[in-house]
Protein backbone atom coordinates (compact mmCIF):
# COMPACT_ATOMS: atom_id res chain seq x y z
CA MET A 1 -34.11 182.43 -4.46
CA PHE A 2 -35.37 180.85 -1.30
CA THR A 3 -36.71 177.36 -1.54
CA THR A 4 -39.98 176.41 0.08
CA ARG A 5 -38.06 174.54 2.75
CA ALA A 6 -35.94 177.59 3.56
CA ARG A 7 -39.04 179.81 3.78
CA THR A 8 -40.72 177.32 6.09
CA ARG A 9 -37.63 177.12 8.29
CA THR A 10 -37.44 180.92 8.46
CA ALA A 11 -41.14 181.23 9.32
CA ARG A 12 -40.84 178.58 12.02
CA ALA A 13 -37.77 180.28 13.49
CA LEU A 14 -39.62 183.61 13.55
CA ALA A 15 -42.65 182.02 15.24
CA ALA A 16 -40.39 180.39 17.83
CA LYS A 17 -38.69 183.72 18.51
CA LEU A 18 -42.07 185.43 18.92
CA LEU A 19 -43.16 182.70 21.33
CA LEU A 20 -39.99 183.14 23.40
CA TRP A 21 -40.47 186.93 23.60
CA THR A 22 -44.09 186.41 24.69
CA ILE A 23 -43.06 183.95 27.40
CA ALA A 24 -40.35 186.36 28.55
CA ALA A 25 -42.98 189.11 28.91
CA VAL A 26 -45.28 186.77 30.85
CA ALA A 27 -42.45 185.75 33.19
CA ALA A 28 -41.45 189.40 33.69
CA ILE A 29 -45.01 190.33 34.70
CA ILE A 30 -45.15 187.44 37.18
CA LEU A 31 -41.73 188.25 38.63
CA LEU A 32 -42.62 191.94 39.00
CA GLY A 33 -45.80 190.90 40.79
CA VAL A 34 -43.76 188.78 43.20
CA LEU A 35 -41.30 191.61 43.74
CA PHE A 36 -44.06 194.15 44.39
CA THR A 37 -45.74 191.79 46.87
CA VAL A 38 -42.60 190.84 48.79
CA LEU A 39 -41.35 194.43 48.99
CA ASN A 40 -44.73 195.83 50.11
CA ALA A 41 -45.26 198.09 47.11
CA ASN A 42 -48.13 200.58 47.36
CA PRO A 43 -51.23 198.63 46.23
CA HIS A 44 -52.96 201.90 45.23
CA ASN A 45 -50.31 202.69 42.63
CA TRP A 46 -51.55 202.19 39.07
CA LEU A 47 -48.52 200.16 37.92
CA VAL A 48 -48.50 197.92 40.99
CA ARG A 49 -52.25 197.33 40.79
CA ASN A 50 -52.15 196.41 37.09
CA VAL A 51 -49.06 194.21 37.27
CA HIS A 52 -50.54 192.37 40.24
CA GLY A 53 -53.86 191.93 38.42
CA TRP A 54 -52.20 190.55 35.29
CA GLY A 55 -49.91 188.33 37.39
CA TYR A 56 -52.85 187.06 39.41
CA TRP A 57 -54.68 186.07 36.23
CA LEU A 58 -51.59 184.43 34.68
CA THR A 59 -50.93 182.37 37.81
CA THR A 60 -54.53 181.23 38.36
CA PRO A 61 -53.77 177.48 37.93
CA PHE A 62 -51.09 177.75 40.62
CA HIS A 63 -53.09 179.52 43.32
CA ASP A 64 -52.95 177.70 46.65
CA LEU A 65 -50.81 174.93 45.22
CA PHE A 66 -48.56 175.27 48.25
CA MET A 67 -50.16 176.75 51.36
CA ARG A 68 -48.16 178.79 53.88
CA ALA A 69 -49.35 180.82 56.86
CA ASP A 70 -47.82 183.98 55.38
CA PRO A 71 -49.66 185.23 52.26
CA LYS A 72 -46.40 186.70 50.92
CA GLN A 73 -44.81 183.26 51.01
CA ASN A 74 -47.82 181.88 49.11
CA VAL A 75 -47.29 184.45 46.37
CA LEU A 76 -43.54 183.92 46.35
CA ILE A 77 -43.66 180.13 46.05
CA ASN A 78 -46.71 179.67 43.82
CA TRP A 79 -46.01 182.55 41.45
CA LEU A 80 -42.34 181.66 41.04
CA LEU A 81 -43.38 178.10 40.25
CA ALA A 82 -45.81 179.46 37.65
CA ALA A 83 -43.03 181.54 36.06
CA LEU A 84 -40.75 178.48 35.92
CA VAL A 85 -43.45 176.38 34.29
CA TYR A 86 -44.21 179.08 31.72
CA VAL A 87 -40.53 179.48 30.84
CA GLY A 88 -39.92 175.72 30.69
CA LEU A 89 -42.95 174.95 28.55
CA GLY A 90 -42.32 177.98 26.36
CA ALA A 91 -38.74 176.92 25.70
CA LEU A 92 -39.84 173.37 24.91
CA LEU A 93 -42.58 174.55 22.55
CA ALA A 94 -40.18 176.95 20.83
CA ARG A 95 -37.69 174.15 20.28
CA LEU A 96 -40.41 171.90 18.85
CA LEU A 97 -41.71 174.73 16.68
CA ARG A 98 -38.27 175.47 15.31
CA GLY A 99 -37.97 171.87 14.18
CA PRO A 100 -34.84 169.98 13.17
CA ALA A 101 -31.75 172.01 12.34
C-alpha cells in the first residue's frame, strides 16, 4: 500500500512532468516561429501563420525589448530570450513543485 506521503510525492512528480512537457511545447512553438521568420517561410501557409500567431502571443511581454533595425533580428533576439525565460522558469517551478527528494 502507498502511504499518503508516497501518493503526494507521486502526484507532485506527475504535475512537475506535465509542467515540463507544457514548457517544452511552448518553447518549440517559439523556436519554430523564429525559424520560420529567419528562413522567410511563406506567411500565407496555414502552419506558418498559426505558429507565428501563437508565438507572437506567447512572446508579448518581450516585444521590442531589444530594438534592431532589421525586424528579423528583433524576432530572433526577443523571441529567443522569451524561450529561454520560459524554459528557465519552467524548470525552476518544476523543481519546486517536485519538492525535496
